[in-house]
N, C-alpha and C. Protein backbone atom coordinates (compact mmCIF):
# COMPACT_ATOMS: atom_id res chain seq x y z
N MET A 1 43.51 61.85 45.94
CA MET A 1 42.26 61.96 45.91
C MET A 1 42.57 62.59 43.81
N ILE A 2 41.39 61.76 43.31
CA ILE A 2 41.17 62.11 42.25
C ILE A 2 40.74 63.07 42.10
N LYS A 3 41.81 63.17 40.19
CA LYS A 3 41.72 64.52 39.85
C LYS A 3 41.70 64.90 37.64
N HIS A 4 41.41 63.51 37.49
CA HIS A 4 41.12 62.81 36.22
C HIS A 4 40.48 61.61 36.33
N VAL A 5 39.16 61.52 35.33
CA VAL A 5 38.39 60.70 34.81
C VAL A 5 38.37 60.31 33.33
N LEU A 6 38.88 59.42 33.07
CA LEU A 6 39.04 59.37 31.86
C LEU A 6 38.00 57.79 31.34
N LEU A 7 36.65 58.72 30.60
CA LEU A 7 35.31 57.95 30.29
C LEU A 7 35.60 57.06 29.19
N ASP A 8 35.01 55.75 29.25
CA ASP A 8 34.75 54.97 27.72
C ASP A 8 33.83 55.61 27.21
N ILE A 9 33.30 55.44 26.52
CA ILE A 9 32.00 55.35 25.34
C ILE A 9 30.66 54.90 25.05
N ASP A 10 31.43 54.11 24.23
CA ASP A 10 30.36 52.48 23.79
C ASP A 10 29.93 51.73 25.42
N ASP A 11 28.46 51.96 25.84
CA ASP A 11 28.11 51.56 26.63
C ASP A 11 28.36 51.94 27.95
N THR A 12 29.25 52.83 27.97
CA THR A 12 28.95 53.47 28.95
C THR A 12 28.37 55.05 29.78
N ILE A 13 28.22 55.27 28.70
CA ILE A 13 28.24 56.77 27.93
C ILE A 13 26.88 56.88 27.46
N LEU A 14 27.00 55.59 26.23
CA LEU A 14 25.98 55.97 24.75
C LEU A 14 26.32 54.49 25.31
N ASP A 15 24.43 54.40 24.54
CA ASP A 15 24.21 52.80 23.92
C ASP A 15 24.54 52.93 23.32
N PHE A 16 25.84 52.14 22.54
CA PHE A 16 26.18 51.99 21.78
C PHE A 16 25.04 49.90 21.15
N LYS A 17 24.73 49.28 21.93
CA LYS A 17 23.98 48.00 21.97
C LYS A 17 22.63 48.62 20.79
N LYS A 18 22.29 48.95 21.57
CA LYS A 18 21.26 49.97 21.50
C LYS A 18 21.67 50.41 19.53
N ALA A 19 22.01 51.46 19.14
CA ALA A 19 22.07 51.89 18.44
C ALA A 19 23.01 51.32 16.79
N GLU A 20 23.90 50.20 17.23
CA GLU A 20 24.38 49.31 16.70
C GLU A 20 22.85 47.73 16.29
N ALA A 21 21.55 47.62 17.16
CA ALA A 21 20.67 47.08 16.38
C ALA A 21 20.41 48.12 16.09
N ILE A 22 19.98 48.84 15.48
CA ILE A 22 19.07 49.74 14.80
C ILE A 22 19.95 50.03 13.50
N ALA A 23 21.28 50.41 13.55
CA ALA A 23 22.02 50.38 12.53
C ALA A 23 22.13 49.03 11.08
N ILE A 24 22.67 48.20 12.21
CA ILE A 24 22.12 47.15 11.76
C ILE A 24 20.79 47.11 10.70
N ARG A 25 19.73 47.20 11.63
CA ARG A 25 18.78 46.81 10.82
C ARG A 25 18.56 47.72 9.36
N LYS A 26 18.17 48.33 9.57
CA LYS A 26 17.77 49.60 8.20
C LYS A 26 19.39 49.22 7.81
N THR A 27 21.02 48.63 7.83
CA THR A 27 21.28 48.70 7.30
C THR A 27 20.42 47.19 6.08
N PHE A 28 20.86 46.45 6.81
CA PHE A 28 20.70 45.40 5.47
C PHE A 28 18.88 45.25 5.05
N SER A 29 17.58 46.72 5.60
CA SER A 29 17.07 46.67 4.52
C SER A 29 17.45 47.41 3.54
N THR A 30 17.84 48.08 4.17
CA THR A 30 18.60 49.62 3.08
C THR A 30 18.74 48.24 1.91
N MET A 31 19.67 47.39 1.85
CA MET A 31 20.19 46.36 1.05
C MET A 31 19.43 45.02 0.66
N GLY A 32 18.31 44.93 0.93
CA GLY A 32 17.33 43.88 1.40
C GLY A 32 17.38 42.92 1.05
N ILE A 33 18.27 42.50 2.36
CA ILE A 33 18.86 41.66 2.94
C ILE A 33 17.30 41.09 4.10
N PRO A 34 16.85 40.45 4.14
CA PRO A 34 16.40 40.19 5.68
C PRO A 34 17.12 39.69 7.35
N VAL A 35 16.01 40.40 7.02
CA VAL A 35 16.98 40.71 9.32
C VAL A 35 15.93 40.49 10.52
N ASP A 36 16.11 40.02 10.91
CA ASP A 36 15.53 39.61 12.29
C ASP A 36 16.02 40.20 13.62
N ASP A 37 15.90 39.65 14.73
CA ASP A 37 17.22 39.98 15.35
C ASP A 37 17.47 38.80 16.19
N ALA A 38 17.15 37.61 15.73
CA ALA A 38 18.42 36.69 16.07
C ALA A 38 19.38 37.35 14.83
N LEU A 39 19.70 37.65 13.73
CA LEU A 39 20.53 38.12 13.14
C LEU A 39 21.34 39.42 13.53
N ILE A 40 20.60 40.56 13.93
CA ILE A 40 22.08 40.92 14.51
C ILE A 40 22.20 40.51 16.14
N ALA A 41 21.46 39.87 16.72
CA ALA A 41 22.00 38.90 17.06
C ALA A 41 24.09 38.59 16.57
N ARG A 42 23.95 37.62 16.40
CA ARG A 42 24.93 37.06 15.43
C ARG A 42 26.11 38.74 15.22
N TYR A 43 24.98 39.03 14.01
CA TYR A 43 26.40 40.21 14.19
C TYR A 43 27.33 40.88 15.12
N SER A 44 26.58 41.50 15.99
CA SER A 44 26.59 41.79 17.10
C SER A 44 27.69 40.54 17.81
N GLU A 45 27.10 39.81 18.21
CA GLU A 45 28.87 38.71 18.54
C GLU A 45 29.81 39.06 17.51
N ILE A 46 29.55 38.40 16.60
CA ILE A 46 31.10 38.84 15.37
C ILE A 46 31.84 40.11 14.95
N ASN A 47 31.07 41.08 15.00
CA ASN A 47 31.09 42.22 15.70
C ASN A 47 32.35 42.30 17.09
N GLN A 48 31.96 42.47 17.89
CA GLN A 48 32.47 41.66 18.99
C GLN A 48 33.92 41.56 18.84
N ARG A 49 34.27 39.97 18.57
CA ARG A 49 35.21 38.94 18.34
C ARG A 49 36.04 39.68 17.21
N GLN A 50 35.52 40.03 16.51
CA GLN A 50 36.16 41.12 15.67
C GLN A 50 37.31 42.59 16.09
N TRP A 51 36.99 43.20 16.79
CA TRP A 51 37.39 44.31 18.11
C TRP A 51 38.14 43.55 18.52
N GLU A 52 37.76 42.12 19.80
CA GLU A 52 38.72 41.75 20.35
C GLU A 52 40.13 41.42 20.06
N ARG A 53 40.08 41.37 18.46
CA ARG A 53 41.11 40.05 17.46
C ARG A 53 41.54 42.13 17.46
N LEU A 54 41.18 43.38 17.37
CA LEU A 54 41.61 44.54 17.20
C LEU A 54 42.85 44.45 18.56
N GLU A 55 42.04 44.85 19.37
CA GLU A 55 42.85 44.89 20.51
C GLU A 55 44.48 43.99 21.28
N LEU A 56 44.16 43.03 20.78
CA LEU A 56 45.65 42.10 20.08
C LEU A 56 46.72 41.77 19.68
N GLY A 57 45.93 43.11 18.62
CA GLY A 57 47.12 43.44 17.68
C GLY A 57 47.44 42.10 15.87
N GLU A 58 45.99 41.57 15.67
CA GLU A 58 45.89 40.35 15.03
C GLU A 58 44.77 41.03 14.06
N LEU A 59 44.99 41.99 13.98
CA LEU A 59 43.63 42.60 13.06
C LEU A 59 43.87 44.34 12.75
N THR A 60 43.93 44.57 11.91
CA THR A 60 43.66 46.25 12.21
C THR A 60 42.17 46.59 12.01
N ARG A 61 41.84 48.10 12.07
CA ARG A 61 40.69 48.45 12.76
C ARG A 61 40.05 48.63 10.63
N GLU A 62 41.17 48.47 9.54
CA GLU A 62 40.07 48.66 8.66
C GLU A 62 40.33 46.92 7.68
N GLN A 63 40.40 45.78 8.97
CA GLN A 63 40.07 44.49 8.71
C GLN A 63 38.49 44.78 9.52
N VAL A 64 38.75 45.68 10.38
CA VAL A 64 37.52 44.70 11.27
C VAL A 64 36.28 45.06 10.73
N LEU A 65 36.12 46.43 10.22
CA LEU A 65 35.29 46.59 10.05
C LEU A 65 34.51 46.35 8.32
N VAL A 66 35.48 46.32 7.89
CA VAL A 66 35.01 45.13 6.43
C VAL A 66 34.31 43.10 6.88
N GLU A 67 35.69 43.06 7.70
CA GLU A 67 35.51 41.24 7.89
C GLU A 67 34.11 40.85 8.72
N ARG A 68 33.49 42.03 9.48
CA ARG A 68 32.81 41.72 10.39
C ARG A 68 31.52 41.08 9.29
N PHE A 69 31.34 42.27 8.30
CA PHE A 69 30.18 42.01 7.17
C PHE A 69 30.61 40.61 6.48
N ASN A 70 31.54 40.06 6.23
CA ASN A 70 32.24 38.94 5.29
C ASN A 70 31.66 38.36 5.65
N ILE A 71 32.50 37.34 7.07
CA ILE A 71 32.36 36.66 7.88
C ILE A 71 30.55 36.35 8.00
N LEU A 72 29.41 37.69 8.81
CA LEU A 72 28.19 37.17 8.73
C LEU A 72 27.49 36.47 7.40
N PHE A 73 27.92 37.10 6.13
CA PHE A 73 27.55 36.79 4.39
C PHE A 73 27.51 35.93 4.22
N GLU A 74 28.70 35.54 4.48
CA GLU A 74 29.41 34.08 4.53
C GLU A 74 28.25 32.84 5.51
N GLU A 75 28.13 33.21 6.67
CA GLU A 75 27.10 32.79 7.16
C GLU A 75 26.04 32.06 6.94
N ILE A 76 25.30 33.03 6.49
CA ILE A 76 24.42 33.52 6.37
C ILE A 76 23.87 33.28 4.64
N GLY A 77 24.91 32.52 3.53
CA GLY A 77 24.78 32.24 2.38
C GLY A 77 23.74 33.54 1.69
N VAL A 78 24.79 34.72 1.88
CA VAL A 78 24.68 35.98 1.59
C VAL A 78 25.15 36.32 0.06
N LYS A 79 25.18 36.82 -0.87
CA LYS A 79 25.85 37.52 -1.55
C LYS A 79 26.04 39.21 -1.68
N ALA A 80 26.62 39.56 -0.61
CA ALA A 80 26.58 41.22 -0.82
C ALA A 80 27.79 41.72 -0.30
N PRO A 81 28.07 42.83 -1.20
CA PRO A 81 29.58 44.08 -0.64
C PRO A 81 29.41 44.32 0.62
N ALA A 82 30.59 43.39 1.11
CA ALA A 82 30.47 44.17 2.71
C ALA A 82 31.65 45.72 2.24
N GLU A 83 31.88 46.27 1.94
CA GLU A 83 32.50 47.61 1.73
C GLU A 83 30.70 48.10 1.91
N MET A 84 30.27 48.23 0.48
CA MET A 84 27.97 48.33 1.07
C MET A 84 27.68 48.66 1.98
N ALA A 85 27.39 47.79 2.67
CA ALA A 85 27.27 47.16 4.52
C ALA A 85 28.19 48.00 5.53
N GLN A 86 29.40 48.23 4.80
CA GLN A 86 30.10 49.40 5.95
C GLN A 86 29.57 50.56 6.11
N ALA A 87 29.81 50.95 4.62
CA ALA A 87 29.58 52.53 4.78
C ALA A 87 28.29 52.81 4.70
N THR A 88 27.27 51.87 4.89
CA THR A 88 26.35 52.32 5.04
C THR A 88 25.48 52.35 7.04
N TYR A 89 26.16 51.51 7.29
CA TYR A 89 26.06 51.07 8.55
C TYR A 89 26.79 52.62 9.58
N GLU A 90 28.14 52.48 8.75
CA GLU A 90 28.79 53.35 9.63
C GLU A 90 27.67 54.65 9.52
N TYR A 91 27.48 55.24 8.54
CA TYR A 91 26.82 56.17 8.48
C TYR A 91 25.76 56.29 9.24
N LEU A 92 24.77 55.08 9.30
CA LEU A 92 23.05 55.27 10.08
C LEU A 92 23.72 55.06 11.18
N LEU A 93 25.33 54.89 12.12
CA LEU A 93 25.21 54.66 13.44
C LEU A 93 25.78 56.23 13.75
N GLY A 94 26.08 57.14 13.10
CA GLY A 94 27.15 58.44 13.92
C GLY A 94 25.38 59.51 13.37
N ILE A 95 24.01 59.05 13.51
CA ILE A 95 22.71 59.20 13.48
C ILE A 95 22.49 59.47 14.86
N GLY A 96 21.64 61.01 14.84
CA GLY A 96 21.70 60.03 17.10
C GLY A 96 22.24 59.72 18.16
N HIS A 97 21.94 59.49 18.81
CA HIS A 97 22.68 58.78 20.31
C HIS A 97 21.64 58.30 21.29
N TYR A 98 21.96 57.96 21.41
CA TYR A 98 21.39 57.29 23.18
C TYR A 98 21.83 56.62 24.45
N PHE A 99 21.22 57.63 25.32
CA PHE A 99 22.87 57.36 26.79
C PHE A 99 21.86 56.43 27.26
N ILE A 100 23.37 55.64 28.58
CA ILE A 100 23.07 55.02 29.02
C ILE A 100 22.52 55.56 30.38
N GLU A 101 21.66 55.01 31.30
CA GLU A 101 20.72 55.22 32.07
C GLU A 101 21.71 56.13 32.76
N GLY A 102 21.22 57.54 33.39
CA GLY A 102 22.40 58.43 34.19
C GLY A 102 23.10 58.34 33.69
N ALA A 103 23.38 58.48 32.62
CA ALA A 103 24.78 59.18 31.93
C ALA A 103 24.76 60.63 31.89
N PRO A 104 23.49 61.66 31.63
CA PRO A 104 23.98 63.14 31.85
C PRO A 104 23.70 63.43 32.67
N GLU A 105 23.06 62.55 33.83
CA GLU A 105 23.37 63.61 35.32
C GLU A 105 24.71 63.52 35.42
N LEU A 106 25.25 62.47 35.34
CA LEU A 106 26.97 61.65 35.56
C LEU A 106 27.44 62.60 34.91
N LEU A 107 27.58 62.71 34.02
CA LEU A 107 28.57 64.12 33.47
C LEU A 107 28.09 64.93 33.66
N GLU A 108 27.14 65.95 34.74
CA GLU A 108 26.81 67.00 34.88
C GLU A 108 27.06 66.54 36.21
N SER A 109 27.63 66.13 37.57
CA SER A 109 27.34 66.47 38.07
C SER A 109 29.41 65.93 38.41
N LEU A 110 29.77 65.42 37.68
CA LEU A 110 31.14 65.52 37.42
C LEU A 110 32.46 66.76 37.05
N TYR A 111 31.40 66.93 36.02
CA TYR A 111 31.34 68.59 35.19
C TYR A 111 32.55 69.47 36.16
N GLY A 112 33.32 69.99 36.01
CA GLY A 112 33.96 70.82 37.09
C GLY A 112 34.67 70.89 38.21
N LYS A 113 34.24 69.41 38.96
CA LYS A 113 34.80 68.45 39.73
C LYS A 113 36.06 67.85 39.33
N TYR A 114 36.33 67.60 38.22
CA TYR A 114 36.95 66.67 37.57
C TYR A 114 37.62 67.18 36.32
N ASP A 115 38.65 66.53 35.74
CA ASP A 115 39.19 66.72 34.83
C ASP A 115 38.65 65.77 33.68
N LEU A 116 37.47 66.36 32.96
CA LEU A 116 36.95 64.49 31.96
C LEU A 116 37.55 64.67 30.49
N TYR A 117 37.97 63.28 30.63
CA TYR A 117 38.76 62.64 29.09
C TYR A 117 37.52 61.67 28.55
N VAL A 118 37.74 61.51 27.19
CA VAL A 118 36.86 60.91 26.59
C VAL A 118 38.02 59.94 26.60
N VAL A 119 38.11 58.17 26.27
CA VAL A 119 39.25 57.20 26.32
C VAL A 119 38.01 56.24 24.99
N SER A 120 38.21 56.08 23.83
CA SER A 120 37.64 55.32 23.10
C SER A 120 38.86 54.36 21.19
N ASN A 121 37.98 53.46 21.43
CA ASN A 121 38.50 52.55 20.19
C ASN A 121 37.43 52.31 19.01
N GLY A 122 36.39 53.64 19.71
CA GLY A 122 35.79 53.18 18.09
C GLY A 122 35.91 54.24 16.70
N THR A 123 35.45 54.22 15.79
CA THR A 123 35.89 55.22 13.88
C THR A 123 35.63 56.41 14.75
N ALA A 124 36.18 57.20 14.89
CA ALA A 124 36.61 58.38 14.38
C ALA A 124 35.38 59.60 14.31
N ASN A 125 34.91 58.57 13.50
CA ASN A 125 33.62 59.94 12.19
C ASN A 125 32.74 59.61 12.77
N VAL A 126 32.41 57.95 13.54
CA VAL A 126 31.27 58.33 14.06
C VAL A 126 30.85 58.89 15.19
N GLN A 127 32.03 57.74 16.28
CA GLN A 127 32.67 59.09 17.20
C GLN A 127 31.94 60.28 17.45
N ASP A 128 33.04 61.21 16.79
CA ASP A 128 32.50 62.88 16.47
C ASP A 128 31.20 62.66 16.33
N ARG A 129 29.96 62.34 15.25
CA ARG A 129 28.91 62.96 15.74
C ARG A 129 28.75 61.78 16.63
N ARG A 130 28.09 61.12 17.08
CA ARG A 130 27.23 61.26 18.46
C ARG A 130 27.73 61.86 18.91
N LEU A 131 29.12 61.94 19.63
CA LEU A 131 29.39 62.93 20.80
C LEU A 131 28.56 64.00 20.58
N LYS A 132 28.28 64.92 19.47
CA LYS A 132 27.95 66.22 18.88
C LYS A 132 26.08 65.83 19.25
N SER A 133 25.83 64.40 18.91
CA SER A 133 24.65 64.59 19.00
C SER A 133 24.08 65.02 20.08
N ALA A 134 24.72 64.14 20.92
CA ALA A 134 24.30 64.06 22.55
C ALA A 134 24.51 65.20 23.39
N ASP A 135 25.36 66.49 22.10
CA ASP A 135 26.16 67.38 23.27
C ASP A 135 26.28 67.89 24.70
N ILE A 136 27.68 66.74 25.21
CA ILE A 136 28.06 66.34 25.36
C ILE A 136 30.35 66.52 25.26
N LEU A 137 30.39 67.51 23.80
CA LEU A 137 31.60 67.42 24.72
C LEU A 137 31.80 68.35 24.99
N LYS A 138 31.18 69.35 25.98
CA LYS A 138 31.70 70.69 26.63
C LYS A 138 31.88 69.77 27.49
N TYR A 139 31.52 69.18 28.48
CA TYR A 139 31.91 68.70 29.20
C TYR A 139 33.33 67.92 29.49
N PHE A 140 34.04 68.04 28.63
CA PHE A 140 35.03 66.94 28.20
C PHE A 140 36.40 68.09 28.06
N LYS A 141 37.71 68.01 28.66
CA LYS A 141 38.87 68.75 28.43
C LYS A 141 39.64 68.38 26.84
N GLY A 142 39.36 66.84 27.11
CA GLY A 142 40.00 66.27 25.76
C GLY A 142 39.10 65.02 25.27
N VAL A 143 40.06 64.40 24.29
CA VAL A 143 38.74 63.45 24.35
C VAL A 143 40.03 62.68 22.43
N PHE A 144 39.89 61.44 23.05
CA PHE A 144 41.01 60.50 22.39
C PHE A 144 40.40 59.76 22.07
N ILE A 145 40.46 59.31 20.72
CA ILE A 145 40.04 58.04 19.43
C ILE A 145 40.91 57.66 18.92
N SER A 146 41.43 55.84 19.27
CA SER A 146 42.51 55.68 18.46
C SER A 146 42.93 55.92 17.56
N GLU A 147 41.50 56.03 16.73
CA GLU A 147 41.61 55.92 15.58
C GLU A 147 42.64 57.12 14.87
N ARG A 148 42.66 58.12 15.79
CA ARG A 148 43.85 59.81 15.85
C ARG A 148 44.57 59.49 16.66
N VAL A 149 44.68 58.51 18.15
CA VAL A 149 45.46 58.46 18.17
C VAL A 149 47.01 57.66 17.62
N GLY A 150 46.36 57.24 16.78
CA GLY A 150 47.08 56.11 16.19
C GLY A 150 47.55 54.37 16.79
N PHE A 151 46.58 54.01 18.16
CA PHE A 151 47.29 53.27 19.33
C PHE A 151 46.37 52.96 19.89
N ASN A 152 45.60 51.57 19.84
CA ASN A 152 44.37 51.30 20.58
C ASN A 152 44.34 50.82 21.94
N LYS A 153 43.47 50.82 22.57
CA LYS A 153 43.21 50.70 23.98
C LYS A 153 43.29 48.44 23.58
N PRO A 154 44.03 48.50 24.50
CA PRO A 154 44.78 48.28 26.11
C PRO A 154 45.92 48.40 25.91
N SER A 155 46.29 48.86 24.55
CA SER A 155 47.99 49.06 24.54
C SER A 155 48.45 50.43 25.89
N ARG A 156 49.35 50.47 26.41
CA ARG A 156 50.05 51.05 26.86
C ARG A 156 49.93 52.39 25.91
N GLU A 157 50.14 52.61 25.31
CA GLU A 157 51.23 53.20 23.73
C GLU A 157 49.73 54.46 23.82
N PHE A 158 48.33 53.66 23.73
CA PHE A 158 47.42 54.29 23.34
C PHE A 158 47.23 55.86 24.82
N PHE A 159 47.68 55.59 25.53
CA PHE A 159 47.43 56.00 26.98
C PHE A 159 48.72 57.22 27.20
N ASP A 160 50.22 56.68 26.56
CA ASP A 160 51.21 57.30 26.64
C ASP A 160 50.95 58.49 25.81
N ALA A 161 50.40 58.03 24.35
CA ALA A 161 49.95 58.59 23.14
C ALA A 161 49.06 59.97 23.09
N ALA A 162 48.62 59.74 23.73
CA ALA A 162 46.93 60.28 24.28
C ALA A 162 46.97 61.99 25.14
N PHE A 163 48.26 61.17 26.59
CA PHE A 163 47.84 62.64 27.24
C PHE A 163 49.55 62.92 27.50
N ALA A 164 49.98 62.79 26.41
CA ALA A 164 51.78 63.02 26.14
C ALA A 164 51.70 64.99 26.50
N GLY A 165 50.17 65.29 25.67
CA GLY A 165 50.74 66.94 25.71
C GLY A 165 49.84 67.48 26.93
N GLU A 166 50.01 66.70 27.61
CA GLU A 166 48.41 67.16 28.89
C GLU A 166 49.07 67.37 30.29
N LYS A 167 49.92 68.14 30.39
CA LYS A 167 50.75 68.71 31.18
C LYS A 167 51.25 68.20 32.47
N ASP A 168 49.49 68.65 33.07
CA ASP A 168 49.02 68.53 34.38
C ASP A 168 48.92 67.26 34.75
N PHE A 169 48.46 65.90 33.52
CA PHE A 169 48.21 65.14 33.65
C PHE A 169 49.08 64.40 35.15
N ASP A 170 48.59 63.51 36.01
CA ASP A 170 48.67 62.80 36.42
C ASP A 170 48.46 61.08 37.07
N ARG A 171 48.76 60.05 36.73
CA ARG A 171 48.16 59.18 36.54
C ARG A 171 48.10 58.53 37.53
N SER A 172 49.00 59.49 38.82
CA SER A 172 48.39 58.89 40.60
C SER A 172 47.16 58.95 40.81
N ARG A 173 46.20 60.11 40.26
CA ARG A 173 44.89 60.66 40.47
C ARG A 173 44.19 60.82 39.38
N ALA A 174 44.04 59.32 38.36
CA ALA A 174 43.46 59.71 37.42
C ALA A 174 42.35 57.91 37.75
N ILE A 175 41.69 57.66 37.48
CA ILE A 175 40.90 56.57 37.09
C ILE A 175 40.14 56.46 35.46
N LEU A 176 39.89 55.03 35.16
CA LEU A 176 39.76 55.21 34.30
C LEU A 176 37.87 54.25 34.36
N VAL A 177 37.07 54.79 33.54
CA VAL A 177 36.10 54.09 33.73
C VAL A 177 35.10 53.36 32.56
N GLY A 178 35.10 52.42 32.50
CA GLY A 178 34.33 51.27 31.23
C GLY A 178 33.63 49.88 31.16
N ASP A 179 33.19 49.22 30.57
CA ASP A 179 32.48 48.63 30.73
C ASP A 179 33.32 46.94 30.01
N SER A 180 34.50 46.88 29.23
CA SER A 180 34.69 46.12 28.55
C SER A 180 36.33 45.85 29.38
N LEU A 181 35.79 44.76 30.28
CA LEU A 181 37.42 43.95 30.82
C LEU A 181 38.44 44.33 30.18
N THR A 182 38.62 43.49 28.63
CA THR A 182 39.34 43.42 28.09
C THR A 182 40.19 44.75 26.94
N SER A 183 39.46 46.20 26.98
CA SER A 183 40.18 47.55 26.65
C SER A 183 39.99 47.63 27.94
N ASP A 184 39.37 48.27 28.24
CA ASP A 184 39.03 49.95 29.07
C ASP A 184 40.00 49.31 30.26
N ILE A 185 39.49 48.23 31.45
CA ILE A 185 39.96 47.69 32.41
C ILE A 185 41.47 47.94 32.77
N LYS A 186 42.38 46.65 31.28
CA LYS A 186 43.19 46.09 30.87
C LYS A 186 44.04 47.10 30.46
N GLY A 187 43.39 48.00 29.78
CA GLY A 187 43.97 49.05 28.81
C GLY A 187 44.69 50.13 30.58
N GLY A 188 43.51 50.08 31.46
CA GLY A 188 43.81 50.72 32.49
C GLY A 188 45.37 50.76 32.93
N ILE A 189 45.32 48.70 33.41
CA ILE A 189 46.28 48.19 33.95
C ILE A 189 47.67 48.37 33.23
N ASN A 190 47.57 48.52 31.84
CA ASN A 190 49.02 48.66 31.41
C ASN A 190 49.42 50.03 31.13
N ALA A 191 48.25 50.61 31.73
CA ALA A 191 48.63 52.09 31.52
C ALA A 191 49.26 52.44 33.20
N GLY A 192 49.18 52.04 34.21
CA GLY A 192 49.40 51.97 35.07
C GLY A 192 48.02 53.76 35.76
N ILE A 193 46.75 52.90 35.81
CA ILE A 193 46.17 54.19 35.96
C ILE A 193 44.94 52.96 36.73
N ARG A 194 44.37 53.35 38.30
CA ARG A 194 43.24 52.37 38.42
C ARG A 194 42.07 52.98 37.38
N THR A 195 41.13 52.06 37.72
CA THR A 195 40.31 51.43 36.79
C THR A 195 39.04 51.20 37.89
N CYS A 196 37.91 51.60 37.44
CA CYS A 196 36.05 51.22 37.01
C CYS A 196 35.63 50.50 36.43
N TRP A 197 35.35 49.50 36.73
CA TRP A 197 34.05 48.33 35.64
C TRP A 197 32.78 48.61 35.66
N PHE A 198 32.32 49.37 35.40
CA PHE A 198 30.64 49.87 34.51
C PHE A 198 30.08 47.82 34.57
N ASN A 199 29.75 47.80 35.88
CA ASN A 199 28.96 45.99 35.32
C ASN A 199 27.33 46.27 35.21
N PRO A 200 26.76 47.01 35.27
CA PRO A 200 24.76 46.56 34.91
C PRO A 200 24.70 45.88 34.64
N ASN A 201 25.22 44.61 33.89
CA ASN A 201 24.51 43.34 33.53
C ASN A 201 24.90 42.40 34.12
N ASN A 202 25.70 42.40 35.16
CA ASN A 202 26.47 41.13 36.44
C ASN A 202 27.10 40.44 35.58
N LYS A 203 28.51 40.84 34.40
CA LYS A 203 28.99 39.81 33.56
C LYS A 203 29.94 38.94 34.37
N ALA A 204 30.31 37.93 34.42
CA ALA A 204 31.78 37.42 35.18
C ALA A 204 32.16 37.94 34.94
N PRO A 205 33.36 38.21 36.26
CA PRO A 205 34.77 38.48 36.19
C PRO A 205 35.67 37.38 35.51
N ARG A 206 37.14 38.17 35.56
CA ARG A 206 38.39 37.80 35.22
C ARG A 206 38.97 37.53 36.34
N GLU A 207 39.67 36.20 36.09
CA GLU A 207 40.54 36.63 36.96
C GLU A 207 42.00 37.14 36.77
N ASP A 208 42.20 37.10 35.24
CA ASP A 208 43.13 37.76 34.66
C ASP A 208 43.91 39.01 34.77
N ILE A 209 42.46 39.73 35.14
CA ILE A 209 41.69 41.40 33.78
C ILE A 209 41.17 41.85 35.54
N ILE A 210 41.73 41.70 36.30
CA ILE A 210 40.71 42.83 37.99
C ILE A 210 40.26 44.07 38.14
N PRO A 211 39.46 44.48 37.91
CA PRO A 211 39.51 45.95 37.96
C PRO A 211 39.84 46.52 40.12
N ASP A 212 39.80 47.75 40.09
CA ASP A 212 40.16 48.39 41.20
C ASP A 212 38.87 48.37 42.06
N TYR A 213 38.01 48.86 41.32
CA TYR A 213 37.03 48.93 41.56
C TYR A 213 35.30 48.56 40.51
N GLU A 214 34.58 48.13 40.67
CA GLU A 214 33.21 47.36 40.03
C GLU A 214 31.99 48.17 40.30
N ILE A 215 31.36 49.27 39.05
CA ILE A 215 30.20 49.54 39.60
C ILE A 215 28.79 48.82 38.63
N LYS A 216 27.49 48.52 39.63
CA LYS A 216 26.56 48.41 38.36
C LYS A 216 25.59 49.28 37.79
N SER A 217 25.86 51.00 38.24
CA SER A 217 25.26 52.19 38.69
C SER A 217 25.99 53.35 38.13
N LEU A 218 25.25 53.97 37.25
CA LEU A 218 26.56 55.01 37.35
C LEU A 218 26.14 56.22 38.17
N SER A 219 25.26 55.69 38.56
CA SER A 219 25.11 56.59 40.11
C SER A 219 25.68 56.82 40.85
N GLU A 220 26.33 55.68 40.96
CA GLU A 220 27.67 54.67 42.55
C GLU A 220 29.21 55.30 41.83
N LEU A 221 28.98 56.18 40.92
CA LEU A 221 30.92 56.63 40.65
C LEU A 221 31.05 57.98 41.50
N PRO A 222 29.51 59.24 41.46
CA PRO A 222 30.30 60.03 42.42
C PRO A 222 30.78 59.64 43.79
N GLY A 223 29.83 59.31 44.81
CA GLY A 223 30.43 58.88 46.00
C GLY A 223 31.29 58.50 46.03
N LEU A 224 31.95 57.51 44.88
CA LEU A 224 33.30 56.51 44.60
C LEU A 224 34.21 57.84 44.37
N LEU A 225 34.10 58.34 43.51
CA LEU A 225 35.19 59.19 43.46
C LEU A 225 35.39 60.28 44.60
N GLU A 226 34.28 60.00 45.49
CA GLU A 226 34.90 60.89 46.47
C GLU A 226 35.43 60.51 48.19
N ARG A 227 35.42 59.33 47.97
CA ARG A 227 35.79 57.97 48.51
C ARG A 227 37.44 57.50 48.14
N ILE A 228 37.86 58.30 46.85
CA ILE A 228 39.18 57.57 47.04
C ILE A 228 39.96 59.01 46.38
């Protein structure tokens, strides 16, 4: 029987892609950089790759946050301070929130039945403001953000450090739900925790990272938890 549900935030509970696109558009407009959908999409690709390198231990968080802008600006031939872009973007990203479809209903249905936890690699300042704006902190027994934990998903150390103080935490009764194979699902595997891949866009699976369960909609999760 499941007791603990570990939830990723970005693109699992809150719509990060939408928030990212809006914040990037405003950031570049503020800096006088022409922006269109293609540029936003390219930034998102670069950003994703830099976070994957963080997961692999190839970059520090500080390098990720600045280098994504340096790489993009070099590609498009713009001379602009990456540090200014990062500061502006981070501020704008933390303003407001956008829910993944079904997320408020999911949290309400799980609350009181399970111990809910946030497990996120996002920047602490941004995640704090988004969680507060969304008014969902009340649902969670614990909020674990890698920047504060001292380790990043998917390392086992992230989970060891995060749950060291949770005396009643039982890995055999826990499940991690998230959209990222390389961060969430691999992290759960590394930590010895069951995993559920939230895959609404039918992303291709990977033979080297296999989740225990897969759902296309958040509405599927309550029923799944009751069956396992």
